[in-house]
Each structure stands twice: as structure tokens, then as C-alpha cells.
Amino acid sequence: MLQPIELRFEDVTAGYGGLAVVEHLSFSVREGERIGLIGRNGAGKTTTLATAMGLADLMKGRILFGNHDVSRASTYARSRAGLGYVPQSRDIFPSLTVEENLLSALQGRSASVALPPIYQLFPRLKERRRNGGTQLSGGEQQMLSVARALVGQPRILLLDEPLEGLAPMVREELMRAIVRMSDQFGVGCVLVEQHIDVVLDFSSSVIVLERGVAAYSGSAGALRDEPALLNRTIGLEKC
């Protein structure tokens, strides 16, 4: 049996232009695992995901993916190895249809094999597959952004605030699809999200970042019992 792929940060300090945004960060996530990353705005959550993809400056430490040191690998190489990324900005081509957006992310896979499970996960996208990106609602664009990342069959998926700006019913629909994706395909997830209750429900373990440093790293259930920590680091007395 093949060993599960793992993304591992080892004592990582990273940032931009010589300025450290996250410091001495260590964690790992395997296929099938779900980790939540929470903290106030500016705490370093997005930078952590960007560092994993090679989009921020790694100043110290190393990043391993599947037992390979990818600290200096290109973003493209990390993606081809099985690391997926859904950024805050909805990553779609507005001038293309839904299906053309998905086809553009195939990475050599057969469309007849890759698209049916995506449409099963996101039936709304199947209904809108002939519509252009600009004809989609904000929620549908976010679904398409997640779907494009999944077409490449990632082993680990990084999700940066996928629920931002979405109506409650659309948030629930998108999260149900993400949970099904993780359960059915065994994709490991690192979720950055402002909706703390969603993160705690979704994740088995959580990292709380405070000014770029991990103030907490442990089970989501135990964090629910730490209202003082949540209040100090996030500004919430309870979830």
C-alpha cells in the first residue's frame, strides 16, 4: 500500500522583501486529514499558504512534500506533484465557459475521466457548464475555482477563505462539497477561514496564528474549550 502524501513545514520563517510574516512554523497534513488555520487579519494565514506554494520568500526552515524537499521548487512543480491551491481571488478565466475553465486545468488528464466526478461534486457547475465566467454568481465562481483546483487531482489542497463574501446558503453548499471531496477522494486540506465555527466543525486539528507565530496547535475539539485563547487571538469569546 502506498504511503499517504504529506505536506510538512519544518521551522519555517517566511515573508516578503526580507520582512518575516510567519516565524518558526512547524506542522504537517497528510492525505485525508483536515487542518484549520485561523487568526486575526494579518496574522500570517495567507502567507503560510503562499509559502507552501512557493509564492512567498522562504527565509528559514524547509518544506517537504511527499518526502521531497520542495523548498526551492517552482510553483508549477509543486502543483504537478499534487499540491493544489485555491487563492482568495477567485482563480477562474472570466472570458471562458465553466467547462473551458475546467479543461484548462486538466494537466494532461482525459476530460472524459476528470470531469464527471467534478460535476457530481458540483451539480450546479454542470448545469452552468456552457455559461461564461462573468455570467456566474459569486458563489458559482468560487465553486468553479475549487473545481479547477480539483481537476488536477491534488493530494493536498490549500483553501484560502473560500467562503468570503458568500451568502449563508451558498457557504453551506460549498462546504458540503468540500467535505464530500475530502471524504470521497481522500484529499488532505488546509483551510483558512474567518468563520471559526466552520473551521472547528471541518477540521480535526487547528493552528491559531498570532502575529505570525503559532499560539495554539492541537485538536479542534480542545480549542472549543479555550475561550480565553480564542478571545485573545481572534477576538471571539466563544464559537
C-alpha atoms as a PDB file:
ATOM      1  CA  MET A   1       0.000   0.000   0.000  1.00  0.00           C
ATOM      2  CA  LEU A   2       1.291   3.437  -0.911  1.00  0.00           C
ATOM      3  CA  GLN A   3       2.162   5.745   1.951  1.00  0.00           C
ATOM      4  CA  PRO A   4      -0.076   8.845   2.192  1.00  0.00           C
ATOM      5  CA  ILE A   5       1.470  12.018   0.802  1.00  0.00           C
ATOM      6  CA  GLU A   6       2.314  14.567   3.485  1.00  0.00           C
ATOM      7  CA  LEU A   7       2.965  18.308   3.396  1.00  0.00           C
ATOM      8  CA  ARG A   8       5.345  19.292   6.185  1.00  0.00           C
ATOM      9  CA  PHE A   9       6.609  22.665   7.388  1.00  0.00           C
ATOM     10  CA  GLU A  10       9.800  22.420   9.431  1.00  0.00           C
ATOM     11  CA  ASP A  11      10.656  25.547  11.464  1.00  0.00           C
ATOM     12  CA  VAL A  12       9.562  27.809   8.614  1.00  0.00           C
ATOM     13  CA  THR A  13      10.104  31.557   8.670  1.00  0.00           C
ATOM     14  CA  ALA A  14       8.755  33.328   5.587  1.00  0.00           C
ATOM     15  CA  GLY A  15       7.520  36.658   4.294  1.00  0.00           C
ATOM     16  CA  TYR A  16       8.137  39.219   1.581  1.00  0.00           C
ATOM     17  CA  GLY A  17      11.037  41.505   0.710  1.00  0.00           C
ATOM     18  CA  GLY A  18      13.078  40.494   3.725  1.00  0.00           C
ATOM     19  CA  LEU A  19      10.221  41.085   6.195  1.00  0.00           C
ATOM     20  CA  ALA A  20       9.172  37.970   8.120  1.00  0.00           C
ATOM     21  CA  VAL A  21       5.401  37.451   8.358  1.00  0.00           C
ATOM     22  CA  VAL A  22       5.387  33.926   9.860  1.00  0.00           C
ATOM     23  CA  GLU A  23       8.127  32.623  12.129  1.00  0.00           C
ATOM     24  CA  HIS A  24       9.255  29.179  13.324  1.00  0.00           C
ATOM     25  CA  LEU A  25       6.126  27.481  11.992  1.00  0.00           C
ATOM     26  CA  SER A  26       6.030  23.682  12.050  1.00  0.00           C
ATOM     27  CA  PHE A  27       3.071  21.490  11.117  1.00  0.00           C
ATOM     28  CA  SER A  28       2.101  18.659   8.796  1.00  0.00           C
ATOM     29  CA  VAL A  29      -1.000  17.482   6.960  1.00  0.00           C
ATOM     30  CA  ARG A  30      -1.479  14.127   5.254  1.00  0.00           C
ATOM     31  CA  GLU A  31      -3.892  12.945   2.610  1.00  0.00           C
ATOM     32  CA  GLY A  32      -7.342  12.671   4.154  1.00  0.00           C
ATOM     33  CA  GLU A  33      -6.526  14.984   7.072  1.00  0.00           C
ATOM     34  CA  ARG A  34      -8.136  18.379   7.620  1.00  0.00           C
ATOM     35  CA  ILE A  35      -6.305  21.232   9.296  1.00  0.00           C
ATOM     36  CA  GLY A  36      -7.738  24.644  10.072  1.00  0.00           C
ATOM     37  CA  LEU A  37      -5.593  27.787  10.121  1.00  0.00           C
ATOM     38  CA  ILE A  38      -7.150  30.731  11.949  1.00  0.00           C
ATOM     39  CA  GLY A  39      -6.135  34.089  13.397  1.00  0.00           C
ATOM     40  CA  ARG A  40      -6.777  37.801  13.084  1.00  0.00           C
ATOM     41  CA  ASN A  41      -6.241  39.637   9.807  1.00  0.00           C
ATOM     42  CA  GLY A  42      -2.510  39.994   9.200  1.00  0.00           C
ATOM     43  CA  ALA A  43      -1.596  37.060  11.439  1.00  0.00           C
ATOM     44  CA  GLY A  44       0.104  35.222   8.556  1.00  0.00           C
ATOM     45  CA  LYS A  45      -2.534  32.764   7.373  1.00  0.00           C
ATOM     46  CA  THR A  46      -2.434  33.655   3.670  1.00  0.00           C
ATOM     47  CA  THR A  47       1.356  33.929   3.796  1.00  0.00           C
ATOM     48  CA  THR A  48       1.532  30.383   5.158  1.00  0.00           C
ATOM     49  CA  LEU A  49      -0.389  29.026   2.168  1.00  0.00           C
ATOM     50  CA  ALA A  50       1.583  31.213  -0.246  1.00  0.00           C
ATOM     51  CA  THR A  51       4.819  29.867   1.234  1.00  0.00           C
ATOM     52  CA  ALA A  52       3.642  26.300   0.696  1.00  0.00           C
ATOM     53  CA  MET A  53       3.124  27.134  -2.990  1.00  0.00           C
ATOM     54  CA  GLY A  54       6.420  28.995  -3.404  1.00  0.00           C
ATOM     55  CA  LEU A  55       4.702  32.382  -3.692  1.00  0.00           C
ATOM     56  CA  ALA A  56       6.349  33.926  -0.617  1.00  0.00           C
ATOM     57  CA  ASP A  57      10.011  34.159   0.388  1.00  0.00           C
ATOM     58  CA  LEU A  58      11.246  31.236   2.482  1.00  0.00           C
ATOM     59  CA  MET A  59      13.813  32.701   4.878  1.00  0.00           C
ATOM     60  CA  LYS A  60      14.434  29.771   7.192  1.00  0.00           C
ATOM     61  CA  GLY A  61      13.449  26.133   7.550  1.00  0.00           C
ATOM     62  CA  ARG A  62      12.239  23.807   4.843  1.00  0.00           C
ATOM     63  CA  ILE A  63       9.078  22.468   3.228  1.00  0.00           C
ATOM     64  CA  LEU A  64       8.664  18.788   2.438  1.00  0.00           C
ATOM     65  CA  PHE A  65       6.029  17.310   0.152  1.00  0.00           C
ATOM     66  CA  GLY A  66       5.891  13.574  -0.263  1.00  0.00           C
ATOM     67  CA  ASN A  67       9.313  13.181   1.396  1.00  0.00           C
ATOM     68  CA  HIS A  68      10.878  15.533  -1.149  1.00  0.00           C
ATOM     69  CA  ASP A  69      12.323  18.886  -0.155  1.00  0.00           C
ATOM     70  CA  VAL A  70      10.372  21.384  -2.282  1.00  0.00           C
ATOM     71  CA  SER A  71      11.683  24.486  -0.504  1.00  0.00           C
ATOM     72  CA  ARG A  72      13.197  25.839  -3.732  1.00  0.00           C
ATOM     73  CA  ALA A  73      10.828  24.176  -6.206  1.00  0.00           C
ATOM     74  CA  SER A  74       8.729  26.284  -8.560  1.00  0.00           C
ATOM     75  CA  THR A  75       5.005  26.778  -8.007  1.00  0.00           C
ATOM     76  CA  TYR A  76       4.357  24.784 -11.176  1.00  0.00           C
ATOM     77  CA  ALA A  77       6.458  21.852  -9.927  1.00  0.00           C
ATOM     78  CA  ARG A  78       4.595  21.811  -6.603  1.00  0.00           C
ATOM     79  CA  SER A  79       1.281  21.834  -8.412  1.00  0.00           C
ATOM     80  CA  ARG A  80       2.332  18.980 -10.707  1.00  0.00           C
ATOM     81  CA  ALA A  81       3.453  16.999  -7.653  1.00  0.00           C
ATOM     82  CA  GLY A  82      -0.057  17.181  -6.202  1.00  0.00           C
ATOM     83  CA  LEU A  83      -0.284  20.373  -4.173  1.00  0.00           C
ATOM     84  CA  GLY A  84      -3.451  22.319  -5.011  1.00  0.00           C
ATOM     85  CA  TYR A  85      -4.236  25.927  -4.169  1.00  0.00           C
ATOM     86  CA  VAL A  86      -7.448  27.969  -4.131  1.00  0.00           C
ATOM     87  CA  PRO A  87      -6.445  31.615  -3.510  1.00  0.00           C
ATOM     88  CA  GLN A  88      -8.636  34.365  -2.085  1.00  0.00           C
ATOM     89  CA  SER A  89      -9.005  35.871  -5.553  1.00  0.00           C
ATOM     90  CA  ARG A  90     -11.324  33.547  -7.451  1.00  0.00           C
ATOM     91  CA  ASP A  91      -8.969  31.750  -9.802  1.00  0.00           C
ATOM     92  CA  ILE A  92     -11.013  31.483 -12.982  1.00  0.00           C
ATOM     93  CA  PHE A  93     -10.839  32.804 -16.553  1.00  0.00           C
ATOM     94  CA  PRO A  94     -13.855  35.143 -16.898  1.00  0.00           C
ATOM     95  CA  SER A  95     -13.826  35.016 -20.689  1.00  0.00           C
ATOM     96  CA  LEU A  96     -14.089  31.201 -20.782  1.00  0.00           C
ATOM     97  CA  THR A  97     -17.097  28.989 -20.093  1.00  0.00           C
ATOM     98  CA  VAL A  98     -17.274  26.824 -16.988  1.00  0.00           C
ATOM     99  CA  GLU A  99     -16.241  23.756 -18.959  1.00  0.00           C
ATOM    100  CA  GLU A 100     -13.418  25.570 -20.746  1.00  0.00           C
ATOM    101  CA  ASN A 101     -12.116  26.694 -17.353  1.00  0.00           C
ATOM    102  CA  LEU A 102     -12.076  23.096 -16.175  1.00  0.00           C
ATOM    103  CA  LEU A 103     -10.465  21.822 -19.374  1.00  0.00           C
ATOM    104  CA  SER A 104      -7.676  24.386 -18.987  1.00  0.00           C
ATOM    105  CA  ALA A 105      -6.648  22.749 -15.699  1.00  0.00           C
ATOM    106  CA  LEU A 106      -6.547  19.115 -16.886  1.00  0.00           C
ATOM    107  CA  GLN A 107      -2.725  18.820 -16.831  1.00  0.00           C
ATOM    108  CA  GLY A 108      -2.837  16.101 -19.485  1.00  0.00           C
ATOM    109  CA  ARG A 109      -5.706  14.089 -17.966  1.00  0.00           C
ATOM    110  CA  SER A 110      -8.612  12.846 -20.060  1.00  0.00           C
ATOM    111  CA  ALA A 111     -11.670  15.103 -19.881  1.00  0.00           C
ATOM    112  CA  SER A 112     -13.986  12.067 -20.012  1.00  0.00           C
ATOM    113  CA  VAL A 113     -12.329  10.760 -16.841  1.00  0.00           C
ATOM    114  CA  ALA A 114     -11.701  14.027 -14.987  1.00  0.00           C
ATOM    115  CA  LEU A 115     -14.943  15.973 -15.457  1.00  0.00           C
ATOM    116  CA  PRO A 116     -17.731  13.554 -14.385  1.00  0.00           C
ATOM    117  CA  PRO A 117     -16.633  13.376 -10.713  1.00  0.00           C
ATOM    118  CA  ILE A 118     -16.254  17.172 -10.662  1.00  0.00           C
ATOM    119  CA  TYR A 119     -19.782  17.633 -11.988  1.00  0.00           C
ATOM    120  CA  GLN A 120     -21.028  15.087  -9.446  1.00  0.00           C
ATOM    121  CA  LEU A 121     -19.470  17.165  -6.677  1.00  0.00           C
ATOM    122  CA  PHE A 122     -20.749  20.432  -8.132  1.00  0.00           C
ATOM    123  CA  PRO A 123     -24.043  19.753  -9.973  1.00  0.00           C
ATOM    124  CA  ARG A 124     -24.635  23.487 -10.272  1.00  0.00           C
ATOM    125  CA  LEU A 125     -21.493  23.780 -12.410  1.00  0.00           C
ATOM    126  CA  LYS A 126     -22.757  21.017 -14.679  1.00  0.00           C
ATOM    127  CA  GLU A 127     -25.961  22.981 -15.181  1.00  0.00           C
ATOM    128  CA  ARG A 128     -23.951  26.112 -15.993  1.00  0.00           C
ATOM    129  CA  ARG A 129     -21.136  24.435 -17.948  1.00  0.00           C
ATOM    130  CA  ARG A 130     -21.869  26.452 -21.119  1.00  0.00           C
ATOM    131  CA  ASN A 131     -22.034  29.771 -19.266  1.00  0.00           C
ATOM    132  CA  GLY A 132     -19.129  32.196 -19.222  1.00  0.00           C
ATOM    133  CA  GLY A 133     -17.291  33.069 -16.034  1.00  0.00           C
ATOM    134  CA  THR A 134     -18.805  36.550 -15.943  1.00  0.00           C
ATOM    135  CA  GLN A 135     -22.308  35.034 -16.027  1.00  0.00           C
ATOM    136  CA  LEU A 136     -21.787  33.164 -12.770  1.00  0.00           C
ATOM    137  CA  SER A 137     -22.744  34.359  -9.310  1.00  0.00           C
ATOM    138  CA  GLY A 138     -20.022  34.887  -6.721  1.00  0.00           C
ATOM    139  CA  GLY A 139     -20.780  31.524  -5.166  1.00  0.00           C
ATOM    140  CA  GLU A 140     -20.655  29.758  -8.532  1.00  0.00           C
ATOM    141  CA  GLN A 141     -17.329  31.422  -9.332  1.00  0.00           C
ATOM    142  CA  GLN A 142     -15.930  30.155  -6.039  1.00  0.00           C
ATOM    143  CA  MET A 143     -17.222  26.657  -6.769  1.00  0.00           C
ATOM    144  CA  LEU A 144     -15.507  26.841 -10.144  1.00  0.00           C
ATOM    145  CA  SER A 145     -12.269  27.988  -8.517  1.00  0.00           C
ATOM    146  CA  VAL A 146     -12.320  24.963  -6.193  1.00  0.00           C
ATOM    147  CA  ALA A 147     -13.340  22.664  -9.063  1.00  0.00           C
ATOM    148  CA  ARG A 148     -10.436  23.886 -11.224  1.00  0.00           C
ATOM    149  CA  ALA A 149      -8.022  23.005  -8.435  1.00  0.00           C
ATOM    150  CA  LEU A 150      -9.565  19.533  -8.127  1.00  0.00           C
ATOM    151  CA  VAL A 151      -9.314  18.721 -11.834  1.00  0.00           C
ATOM    152  CA  GLY A 152      -5.554  18.322 -11.402  1.00  0.00           C
ATOM    153  CA  GLN A 153      -6.144  15.634  -8.747  1.00  0.00           C
ATOM    154  CA  PRO A 154      -4.303  17.297  -5.848  1.00  0.00           C
ATOM    155  CA  ARG A 155      -3.241  15.153  -2.910  1.00  0.00           C
ATOM    156  CA  ILE A 156      -3.262  18.155  -0.568  1.00  0.00           C
ATOM    157  CA  LEU A 157      -5.485  21.209  -1.177  1.00  0.00           C
ATOM    158  CA  LEU A 158      -4.877  24.674   0.312  1.00  0.00           C
ATOM    159  CA  LEU A 159      -8.043  26.766   0.631  1.00  0.00           C
ATOM    160  CA  ASP A 160      -7.717  30.477   1.377  1.00  0.00           C
ATOM    161  CA  GLU A 161     -11.029  31.868   2.658  1.00  0.00           C
ATOM    162  CA  PRO A 162     -13.247  30.080   0.109  1.00  0.00           C
ATOM    163  CA  LEU A 163     -16.406  31.355   1.836  1.00  0.00           C
ATOM    164  CA  GLU A 164     -15.537  35.048   1.737  1.00  0.00           C
ATOM    165  CA  GLY A 165     -18.438  37.199   0.604  1.00  0.00           C
ATOM    166  CA  LEU A 166     -20.843  34.305   0.068  1.00  0.00           C
ATOM    167  CA  ALA A 167     -24.425  34.124   1.290  1.00  0.00           C
ATOM    168  CA  PRO A 168     -25.078  31.624   4.131  1.00  0.00           C
ATOM    169  CA  MET A 169     -26.891  29.081   1.929  1.00  0.00           C
ATOM    170  CA  VAL A 170     -24.102  29.182  -0.665  1.00  0.00           C
ATOM    171  CA  ARG A 171     -21.466  28.816   2.069  1.00  0.00           C
ATOM    172  CA  GLU A 172     -23.202  25.684   3.302  1.00  0.00           C
ATOM    173  CA  GLU A 173     -23.442  24.245  -0.211  1.00  0.00           C
ATOM    174  CA  LEU A 174     -19.767  24.872  -0.914  1.00  0.00           C
ATOM    175  CA  MET A 175     -18.624  23.418   2.417  1.00  0.00           C
ATOM    176  CA  ARG A 176     -20.712  20.289   1.856  1.00  0.00           C
ATOM    177  CA  ALA A 177     -18.928  19.819  -1.477  1.00  0.00           C
ATOM    178  CA  ILE A 178     -15.512  20.327   0.157  1.00  0.00           C
ATOM    179  CA  VAL A 179     -16.337  17.769   2.860  1.00  0.00           C
ATOM    180  CA  ARG A 180     -17.506  15.273   0.229  1.00  0.00           C
ATOM    181  CA  MET A 181     -14.320  15.905  -1.749  1.00  0.00           C
ATOM    182  CA  SER A 182     -12.178  15.164   1.287  1.00  0.00           C
ATOM    183  CA  ASP A 183     -14.172  12.072   2.222  1.00  0.00           C
ATOM    184  CA  GLN A 184     -14.543  10.566  -1.253  1.00  0.00           C
ATOM    185  CA  PHE A 185     -11.143  11.335  -2.733  1.00  0.00           C
ATOM    186  CA  GLY A 186      -9.022  11.376   0.422  1.00  0.00           C
ATOM    187  CA  VAL A 187      -7.706  14.868  -0.315  1.00  0.00           C
ATOM    188  CA  GLY A 188      -5.893  16.487   2.604  1.00  0.00           C
ATOM    189  CA  CYS A 189      -6.982  20.064   3.302  1.00  0.00           C
ATOM    190  CA  VAL A 190      -5.579  23.163   4.945  1.00  0.00           C
ATOM    191  CA  LEU A 191      -8.473  25.587   5.398  1.00  0.00           C
ATOM    192  CA  VAL A 192      -8.025  29.290   6.125  1.00  0.00           C
ATOM    193  CA  GLU A 193     -11.371  30.820   7.022  1.00  0.00           C
ATOM    194  CA  GLN A 194     -12.813  33.676   9.071  1.00  0.00           C
ATOM    195  CA  HIS A 195     -15.907  31.677  10.029  1.00  0.00           C
ATOM    196  CA  ILE A 196     -14.411  29.993  13.099  1.00  0.00           C
ATOM    197  CA  ASP A 197     -17.354  27.667  13.701  1.00  0.00           C
ATOM    198  CA  VAL A 198     -16.952  26.313  10.150  1.00  0.00           C
ATOM    199  CA  VAL A 199     -13.236  25.677  10.715  1.00  0.00           C
ATOM    200  CA  LEU A 200     -13.805  23.878  14.020  1.00  0.00           C
ATOM    201  CA  ASP A 201     -16.547  21.698  12.516  1.00  0.00           C
ATOM    202  CA  PHE A 202     -14.481  20.852   9.441  1.00  0.00           C
ATOM    203  CA  SER A 203     -11.016  20.315  10.928  1.00  0.00           C
ATOM    204  CA  SER A 204      -9.547  17.587  13.081  1.00  0.00           C
ATOM    205  CA  SER A 205      -6.763  19.906  14.235  1.00  0.00           C
ATOM    206  CA  VAL A 206      -6.278  23.662  14.229  1.00  0.00           C
ATOM    207  CA  ILE A 207      -3.385  26.109  14.261  1.00  0.00           C
ATOM    208  CA  VAL A 208      -4.044  29.563  15.705  1.00  0.00           C
ATOM    209  CA  LEU A 209      -1.618  32.177  14.410  1.00  0.00           C
ATOM    210  CA  GLU A 210      -0.915  35.267  16.476  1.00  0.00           C
ATOM    211  CA  ARG A 211       1.402  37.823  14.871  1.00  0.00           C
ATOM    212  CA  GLY A 212       2.957  35.153  12.690  1.00  0.00           C
ATOM    213  CA  VAL A 213       3.614  32.643  15.478  1.00  0.00           C
ATOM    214  CA  ALA A 214       1.593  29.548  16.367  1.00  0.00           C
ATOM    215  CA  ALA A 215      -0.208  30.424  19.604  1.00  0.00           C
ATOM    216  CA  TYR A 216      -2.037  27.092  19.561  1.00  0.00           C
ATOM    217  CA  SER A 217      -1.623  23.827  17.674  1.00  0.00           C
ATOM    218  CA  GLY A 218      -3.856  20.931  18.590  1.00  0.00           C
ATOM    219  CA  SER A 219      -7.275  19.354  18.259  1.00  0.00           C
ATOM    220  CA  ALA A 220     -10.262  21.390  17.157  1.00  0.00           C
ATOM    221  CA  GLY A 221     -12.326  19.932  19.981  1.00  0.00           C
ATOM    222  CA  ALA A 222      -9.857  21.053  22.632  1.00  0.00           C
ATOM    223  CA  LEU A 223      -9.751  24.550  21.142  1.00  0.00           C
ATOM    224  CA  ARG A 224     -13.504  24.900  21.661  1.00  0.00           C
ATOM    225  CA  ASP A 225     -12.763  24.652  25.386  1.00  0.00           C
ATOM    226  CA  GLU A 226     -10.242  27.543  25.238  1.00  0.00           C
ATOM    227  CA  PRO A 227     -12.483  30.651  25.062  1.00  0.00           C
ATOM    228  CA  ALA A 228      -9.767  32.859  26.580  1.00  0.00           C
ATOM    229  CA  LEU A 229      -7.339  31.883  23.815  1.00  0.00           C
ATOM    230  CA  LEU A 230      -9.949  32.470  21.118  1.00  0.00           C
ATOM    231  CA  ASN A 231     -10.825  35.842  22.602  1.00  0.00           C
ATOM    232  CA  ARG A 232      -7.182  36.942  22.763  1.00  0.00           C
ATOM    233  CA  THR A 233      -6.063  35.726  19.374  1.00  0.00           C
ATOM    234  CA  ILE A 234      -9.216  36.107  17.293  1.00  0.00           C
ATOM    235  CA  GLY A 235     -11.485  38.397  19.276  1.00  0.00           C
ATOM    236  CA  LEU A 236     -14.218  35.847  19.918  1.00  0.00           C
ATOM    237  CA  GLU A 237     -15.282  34.792  23.356  1.00  0.00           C
ATOM    238  CA  LYS A 238     -16.914  31.650  22.035  1.00  0.00           C
ATOM    239  CA  CYS A 239     -17.817  29.969  18.787  1.00  0.00           C
END
